[in-house]
Amino acid sequence: MKLMIDDAVWGFSEIFSEFGEVITLPGRQIRNESLLDCDALIVRSRTKVDEELLRGSKIKFVGSTVAGLDHIDQIYLNDNNIAFSSAQGCNANAVAEYVISAITNLANDFDFKLLGKTLGIIGVGNVGKRLEFKAKQLGIKTLLNDPPREANEGSNNFVSLEKALSADIVTFHTPLNFTGAHPTYNLLSSHNFNHIIEDAVVVNAARGGIINEMIWQRTPTKANIIDCWENEPNINSSLQKTAYWATPHIAGHSIDAKFMGSFMIYKELCKFSKQPLNNQIENLINPELRVIKDDNLHDTLNSIYSFKEDDKAIKDISNFEDYRRNYPERFEWKHFNTKFKLPKST
């Protein structure tokens, strides 16, 4: 088997070389002509997988080691009998930790308490559920909006989009859908931006395009946290300059999340190729436990990882893609022994 793999896929050599020959390219450079003699394709989010890319190739398996799906033409893959697997949920805890870190830094810098604040979570899937669980441990009241879940589970635990948008902090964690029963493109736009209170914090750590950026840049808020942008890496400079944190789509880029994305696709490729699992791969991440002696939430989280540095790194927008591809090593909270008790994961 010959595999084409985005060279940003974590551990591509250690994890996938047992299947056969591994060829790597940066995700944006993977083209149709580079796939003509390949059997499997493993990507992250920078490769658009569709008929234009795969026409005439021998590809029979596509794996995406990230949570999003908007770069994959699943209809084309299904129609052409090409197996597909994604790593949905792989980075959910990492993104939840990013949002909690952002809120904690805001509380410190704007001198407000988290206890009693309302957090509107738009999209309560893999990320939203973990964020809700952590936020409640900090005394934050959550307002949950998720129409697909509400349709299946009933309305008791959910609120309208308008109600969630009126929270002190509003954070988006939906997929990017242009069609269907619940489209999310421009979910927050001119028709409902008036529900955002002027003293609100607005967070987009989901996908660019869920919030209308032209309206957003004209709407006063207490602070904006922006990790996902339209037209990446050519991001909105007006929003970037005024944001509290403007980061290059790295909320989910922990080592844990990258490993899990690769490992999830590895297991699916084993099933596809009828190859047994190598149990050693599951233990590739085993960092030395680090002790954090700070006695408050703000300092503890910034000692673990300071997202402020990610904001500084792309003050020059031309650094966006390079910094994202060469992101610093970041481990999730579970690898740290902290004096201050951190919110637990689900």
Protein backbone atom coordinates (compact mmCIF):
# COMPACT_ATOMS: atom_id res chain seq x y z
CA MET A 1 0.00 0.00 0.00
CA LYS A 2 1.22 3.51 -0.84
CA LEU A 3 -0.02 6.32 1.40
CA MET A 4 -0.04 10.08 0.78
CA ILE A 5 -0.08 11.88 4.13
CA ASP A 6 -0.20 15.57 5.03
CA ASP A 7 3.18 16.19 6.65
CA ALA A 8 1.42 17.97 9.55
CA VAL A 9 -0.25 14.69 10.61
CA TRP A 10 1.20 13.84 14.02
CA GLY A 11 3.48 10.79 14.13
CA PHE A 12 2.87 9.87 10.49
CA SER A 13 6.01 7.74 10.26
CA GLU A 14 5.67 5.91 13.60
CA ILE A 15 1.95 5.32 13.17
CA PHE A 16 1.39 4.64 9.47
CA SER A 17 4.63 3.23 8.04
CA GLU A 18 3.59 -0.35 8.85
CA PHE A 19 0.97 -0.15 6.10
CA GLY A 20 3.52 0.43 3.36
CA GLU A 21 5.30 3.31 1.62
CA VAL A 22 4.57 6.73 3.10
CA ILE A 23 4.82 9.88 0.97
CA THR A 24 4.28 13.29 2.59
CA LEU A 25 3.48 16.79 1.36
CA PRO A 26 2.14 19.94 3.01
CA GLY A 27 -1.64 19.73 2.94
CA ARG A 28 -2.08 22.68 0.57
CA GLN A 29 0.37 21.10 -1.89
CA ILE A 30 -1.41 17.74 -2.26
CA ARG A 31 -2.68 17.70 -5.85
CA ASN A 32 -4.34 15.21 -8.16
CA GLU A 33 -1.08 14.41 -9.96
CA SER A 34 0.61 13.49 -6.67
CA LEU A 35 -2.06 10.87 -5.91
CA LEU A 36 -2.23 8.90 -9.14
CA ASP A 37 -0.30 5.89 -7.80
CA CYS A 38 -1.43 6.13 -4.16
CA ASP A 39 -3.87 3.78 -2.43
CA ALA A 40 -4.70 5.82 0.69
CA LEU A 41 -4.86 9.50 1.55
CA ILE A 42 -4.58 10.90 5.08
CA VAL A 43 -5.13 14.64 5.53
CA ARG A 44 -5.79 17.38 8.02
CA SER A 45 -7.98 20.41 7.23
CA ARG A 46 -5.89 22.10 4.53
CA THR A 47 -6.65 19.64 1.72
CA LYS A 48 -9.97 19.84 -0.13
CA VAL A 49 -10.88 16.22 -0.82
CA ASP A 50 -13.25 16.07 -3.79
CA GLU A 51 -13.54 14.88 -7.37
CA GLU A 52 -10.96 17.40 -8.60
CA LEU A 53 -8.38 15.95 -6.22
CA LEU A 54 -9.16 12.25 -6.61
CA ARG A 55 -10.25 11.88 -10.25
CA GLY A 56 -8.28 9.08 -11.93
CA SER A 57 -6.45 8.05 -8.76
CA LYS A 58 -6.35 4.61 -7.10
CA ILE A 59 -7.33 6.03 -3.70
CA LYS A 60 -9.64 3.64 -1.86
CA PHE A 61 -9.31 5.01 1.69
CA VAL A 62 -9.42 8.61 2.91
CA GLY A 63 -8.77 9.51 6.53
CA SER A 64 -9.04 12.98 8.05
CA THR A 65 -7.22 13.38 11.36
CA VAL A 66 -9.19 16.49 12.37
CA ALA A 67 -12.69 17.03 13.71
CA GLY A 68 -14.15 19.19 10.94
CA LEU A 69 -15.79 17.78 7.82
CA ASP A 70 -16.34 20.80 5.57
CA HIS A 71 -13.17 20.04 3.54
CA ILE A 72 -14.43 16.56 2.60
CA ASP A 73 -16.90 15.79 -0.21
CA GLN A 74 -18.43 12.75 1.45
CA ILE A 75 -21.03 12.31 -1.29
CA TYR A 76 -18.31 11.91 -3.91
CA LEU A 77 -16.41 9.44 -1.74
CA ASN A 78 -19.52 7.37 -1.12
CA ASP A 79 -20.57 7.40 -4.79
CA ASN A 80 -17.12 6.16 -5.80
CA ASN A 81 -16.84 3.45 -3.15
CA ILE A 82 -13.98 5.19 -1.34
CA ALA A 83 -13.88 4.42 2.37
CA PHE A 84 -13.79 7.48 4.63
CA SER A 85 -13.06 7.99 8.30
CA SER A 86 -12.72 11.18 10.32
CA ALA A 87 -11.46 11.96 13.79
CA GLN A 88 -14.47 13.82 15.13
CA GLY A 89 -14.05 14.55 18.81
CA CYS A 90 -10.27 14.11 18.80
CA ASN A 91 -9.60 17.72 19.79
CA ALA A 92 -12.72 18.39 21.87
CA ASN A 93 -10.97 18.58 25.23
CA ALA A 94 -8.20 20.77 23.82
CA VAL A 95 -10.71 23.30 22.50
CA ALA A 96 -12.63 23.30 25.79
CA GLU A 97 -9.37 24.00 27.64
CA TYR A 98 -8.62 26.86 25.23
CA VAL A 99 -12.00 28.50 25.94
CA ILE A 100 -11.66 28.12 29.71
CA SER A 101 -8.16 29.61 29.53
CA ALA A 102 -9.49 32.54 27.51
CA ILE A 103 -12.34 33.20 29.94
CA THR A 104 -9.99 32.95 32.91
CA ASN A 105 -7.57 35.46 31.40
CA LEU A 106 -10.43 37.82 30.62
CA ALA A 107 -11.72 37.58 34.19
CA ASN A 108 -8.27 38.51 35.45
CA ASP A 109 -7.66 41.37 33.03
CA PHE A 110 -11.18 42.85 33.21
CA ASP A 111 -11.52 42.16 36.95
CA PHE A 112 -14.71 40.12 37.03
CA LYS A 113 -15.61 36.87 38.78
CA LEU A 114 -16.51 33.72 36.88
CA LEU A 115 -18.99 32.65 39.57
CA GLY A 116 -22.49 33.51 38.38
CA LYS A 117 -21.54 34.53 34.83
CA THR A 118 -23.67 33.08 32.04
CA LEU A 119 -22.04 31.16 29.20
CA GLY A 120 -24.03 30.65 26.02
CA ILE A 121 -22.73 27.52 24.30
CA ILE A 122 -23.90 27.34 20.68
CA GLY A 123 -23.44 23.74 19.61
CA VAL A 124 -23.26 21.20 22.41
CA GLY A 125 -21.50 18.31 20.72
CA ASN A 126 -18.07 16.91 21.47
CA VAL A 127 -16.57 20.29 22.41
CA GLY A 128 -19.66 21.93 23.86
CA LYS A 129 -20.38 19.07 26.27
CA ARG A 130 -16.85 19.15 27.65
CA LEU A 131 -16.91 22.92 27.93
CA GLU A 132 -20.23 22.82 29.78
CA PHE A 133 -18.84 20.25 32.23
CA LYS A 134 -15.77 22.37 33.01
CA ALA A 135 -17.66 25.67 33.19
CA LYS A 136 -20.16 24.38 35.74
CA GLN A 137 -17.29 23.38 38.03
CA LEU A 138 -16.23 27.05 38.04
CA GLY A 139 -19.71 28.24 39.03
CA ILE A 140 -20.61 29.46 35.55
CA LYS A 141 -24.25 29.14 34.50
CA THR A 142 -24.55 27.56 31.05
CA LEU A 143 -27.19 28.31 28.41
CA LEU A 144 -27.17 25.51 25.85
CA ASN A 145 -28.35 25.84 22.25
CA ASP A 146 -28.27 22.81 19.97
CA PRO A 147 -31.31 22.33 17.70
CA PRO A 148 -30.34 18.80 16.50
CA ARG A 149 -29.91 17.57 20.08
CA GLU A 150 -33.06 19.37 21.21
CA ALA A 151 -35.04 17.65 18.44
CA ASN A 152 -33.83 14.26 19.69
CA GLU A 153 -33.80 14.87 23.45
CA GLY A 154 -36.53 17.41 24.09
CA SER A 155 -36.30 21.07 25.10
CA ASN A 156 -35.74 20.74 28.86
CA ASN A 157 -31.96 21.29 28.78
CA PHE A 158 -31.82 23.73 25.89
CA VAL A 159 -32.64 27.38 25.16
CA SER A 160 -33.35 29.32 21.99
CA LEU A 161 -30.47 30.74 19.99
CA GLU A 162 -31.60 34.24 20.95
CA LYS A 163 -31.46 33.38 24.65
CA ALA A 164 -27.98 31.84 24.35
CA LEU A 165 -26.77 34.91 22.44
CA SER A 166 -27.81 37.14 25.35
CA ALA A 167 -25.30 35.50 27.74
CA ASP A 168 -22.33 37.28 29.29
CA ILE A 169 -20.02 35.03 27.28
CA VAL A 170 -21.10 33.49 23.95
CA THR A 171 -19.04 30.72 22.40
CA PHE A 172 -19.61 28.80 19.15
CA HIS A 173 -18.90 25.09 18.69
CA THR A 174 -21.02 24.04 15.72
CA PRO A 175 -19.94 22.43 12.46
CA LEU A 176 -20.03 24.62 9.36
CA ASN A 177 -23.15 23.65 7.38
CA PHE A 178 -24.35 25.59 4.35
CA THR A 179 -27.48 23.52 3.78
CA GLY A 180 -29.69 21.00 5.54
CA ALA A 181 -32.13 21.29 8.40
CA HIS A 182 -29.74 23.32 10.55
CA PRO A 183 -27.40 25.49 8.44
CA THR A 184 -24.77 27.31 10.47
CA TYR A 185 -23.15 29.60 7.89
CA ASN A 186 -23.72 33.17 9.14
CA LEU A 187 -25.50 31.74 12.16
CA LEU A 188 -24.68 35.02 13.89
CA SER A 189 -25.27 37.84 11.43
CA SER A 190 -27.31 40.98 10.82
CA HIS A 191 -30.60 39.25 11.65
CA ASN A 192 -29.65 38.46 15.25
CA PHE A 193 -26.45 40.31 16.25
CA ASN A 194 -28.67 42.68 18.25
CA HIS A 195 -29.08 39.90 20.85
CA ILE A 196 -25.38 40.18 21.76
CA ILE A 197 -25.12 42.53 24.72
CA GLU A 198 -22.54 45.31 24.47
CA ASP A 199 -20.68 43.99 27.50
CA ALA A 200 -20.44 40.45 26.10
CA VAL A 201 -17.47 38.27 25.29
CA VAL A 202 -17.82 36.50 21.93
CA VAL A 203 -15.75 33.42 21.06
CA ASN A 204 -15.39 31.62 17.74
CA ALA A 205 -13.42 28.41 18.16
CA ALA A 206 -15.56 26.44 15.70
CA ARG A 207 -15.26 27.39 12.03
CA GLY A 208 -14.83 30.58 10.06
CA GLY A 209 -18.09 31.66 8.48
CA ILE A 210 -20.32 30.81 11.42
CA ILE A 211 -20.14 34.47 12.49
CA ASN A 212 -20.49 37.15 9.83
CA GLU A 213 -17.15 38.90 10.24
CA MET A 214 -18.20 42.13 8.50
CA ILE A 215 -21.00 42.58 11.03
CA TRP A 216 -18.82 41.40 13.91
CA GLN A 217 -16.12 43.99 13.26
CA ARG A 218 -18.73 46.76 13.53
CA THR A 219 -20.39 45.43 16.69
CA PRO A 220 -19.05 46.67 20.06
CA THR A 221 -18.36 43.96 22.66
CA LYS A 222 -16.32 43.69 25.83
CA ALA A 223 -13.89 41.34 24.08
CA ASN A 224 -13.58 38.95 21.14
CA ILE A 225 -11.71 35.65 21.15
CA ILE A 226 -11.15 34.47 17.59
CA ASP A 227 -9.41 31.26 16.63
CA CYS A 228 -11.36 30.36 13.48
CA TRP A 229 -11.59 32.72 10.53
CA GLU A 230 -13.01 33.05 7.07
CA ASN A 231 -10.42 32.98 4.29
CA GLU A 232 -7.60 31.53 6.37
CA PRO A 233 -4.73 32.35 6.30
CA ASN A 234 -5.78 35.73 4.83
CA ILE A 235 -7.70 36.71 7.93
CA ASN A 236 -9.75 39.83 8.73
CA SER A 237 -7.15 42.36 9.89
CA SER A 238 -9.74 44.66 11.49
CA LEU A 239 -11.05 41.88 13.71
CA GLN A 240 -7.53 40.71 14.47
CA LYS A 241 -6.37 44.14 15.65
CA THR A 242 -9.31 44.60 18.02
CA ALA A 243 -9.56 41.04 19.36
CA TYR A 244 -8.51 40.17 22.91
CA TRP A 245 -6.98 36.99 21.50
CA ALA A 246 -6.54 36.44 17.76
CA THR A 247 -5.03 32.99 17.28
CA PRO A 248 -4.31 30.96 14.11
CA HIS A 249 -6.87 28.13 14.36
CA ILE A 250 -4.91 26.29 17.04
CA ALA A 251 -7.46 25.83 19.83
CA GLY A 252 -7.50 22.09 19.18
CA HIS A 253 -3.78 21.73 18.50
CA SER A 254 -2.65 20.00 21.68
CA ILE A 255 -0.27 17.07 21.31
CA ASP A 256 -3.00 14.89 22.82
CA ALA A 257 -5.51 15.96 20.17
CA LYS A 258 -3.08 15.51 17.29
CA PHE A 259 -2.14 12.06 18.53
CA MET A 260 -5.77 11.06 19.00
CA GLY A 261 -6.61 12.25 15.48
CA SER A 262 -3.85 10.07 14.04
CA PHE A 263 -4.69 7.13 16.29
CA MET A 264 -8.39 7.18 15.38
CA ILE A 265 -7.56 7.06 11.68
CA TYR A 266 -4.91 4.38 12.31
CA LYS A 267 -7.53 2.13 13.87
CA GLU A 268 -9.92 2.67 10.97
CA LEU A 269 -7.18 1.93 8.43
CA CYS A 270 -6.40 -1.29 10.31
CA LYS A 271 -10.06 -2.30 9.91
CA PHE A 272 -10.06 -1.34 6.24
CA SER A 273 -6.87 -3.28 5.47
CA LYS A 274 -7.72 -6.14 7.85
CA GLN A 275 -4.49 -5.57 9.73
CA PRO A 276 -4.11 -6.14 13.50
CA LEU A 277 -3.61 -3.19 15.84
CA ASN A 278 -0.11 -2.48 17.12
CA ASN A 279 -0.79 -1.97 20.84
CA GLN A 280 2.43 0.02 21.31
CA ILE A 281 1.08 2.91 19.25
CA GLU A 282 -1.50 3.76 21.92
CA ASN A 283 1.35 4.63 24.31
CA LEU A 284 3.29 7.03 22.07
CA ILE A 285 2.40 9.99 24.31
CA ASN A 286 3.92 9.65 27.76
CA PRO A 287 5.36 13.01 28.85
CA GLU A 288 7.05 13.51 32.19
CA LEU A 289 4.54 14.74 34.78
CA ARG A 290 5.21 18.42 35.48
CA VAL A 291 4.39 20.09 38.79
CA ILE A 292 2.65 23.50 38.74
CA LYS A 293 2.88 25.31 42.09
CA ASP A 294 0.66 28.35 41.38
CA ASP A 295 -2.26 28.71 43.79
CA ASN A 296 -4.90 30.27 41.53
CA LEU A 297 -6.65 29.34 38.29
CA HIS A 298 -5.28 32.17 36.15
CA ASP A 299 -1.61 31.60 36.94
CA THR A 300 -1.95 27.82 36.85
CA LEU A 301 -3.41 27.80 33.36
CA ASN A 302 -0.87 30.27 32.02
CA SER A 303 1.95 28.22 33.53
CA ILE A 304 0.64 25.15 31.72
CA TYR A 305 0.34 26.99 28.39
CA SER A 306 0.07 30.69 27.60
CA PHE A 307 -2.19 31.26 24.62
CA LYS A 308 -1.16 34.92 24.77
CA GLU A 309 1.98 33.88 22.92
CA ASP A 310 -0.13 32.44 20.10
CA ASP A 311 -1.85 35.81 19.76
CA LYS A 312 1.49 37.63 19.66
CA ALA A 313 2.89 35.18 17.12
CA ILE A 314 0.53 36.31 14.35
CA LYS A 315 0.52 40.05 14.91
CA ASP A 316 2.16 39.84 11.50
CA ILE A 317 -0.61 38.00 9.63
CA SER A 318 1.88 36.53 7.17
CA ASN A 319 3.05 34.25 10.00
CA PHE A 320 -0.40 32.60 10.31
CA GLU A 321 0.17 29.41 8.33
CA ASP A 322 3.80 28.89 9.26
CA TYR A 323 3.09 29.24 12.99
CA ARG A 324 0.15 26.88 12.72
CA ARG A 325 2.25 24.28 10.92
CA ASN A 326 5.08 24.66 13.44
CA TYR A 327 2.98 25.04 16.55
CA PRO A 328 4.76 24.81 19.94
CA GLU A 329 4.45 21.65 22.01
CA ARG A 330 1.33 21.84 24.16
CA PHE A 331 0.00 19.12 26.43
CA GLU A 332 -3.44 19.03 28.03
CA TRP A 333 -4.09 19.63 31.73
CA LYS A 334 -4.16 15.94 32.65
CA HIS A 335 -0.37 15.77 32.25
CA PHE A 336 0.22 18.31 35.04
CA ASN A 337 0.22 17.97 38.81
CA THR A 338 -1.28 21.27 39.94
CA LYS A 339 -1.58 22.84 43.38
CA PHE A 340 -4.79 24.57 42.29
CA LYS A 341 -7.55 22.06 41.49
CA LEU A 342 -8.48 22.38 37.84
CA PRO A 343 -11.91 21.58 36.38
CA LYS A 344 -12.16 17.89 35.55
CA SER A 345 -12.81 16.45 32.12
CA THR A 346 -15.91 14.38 31.45
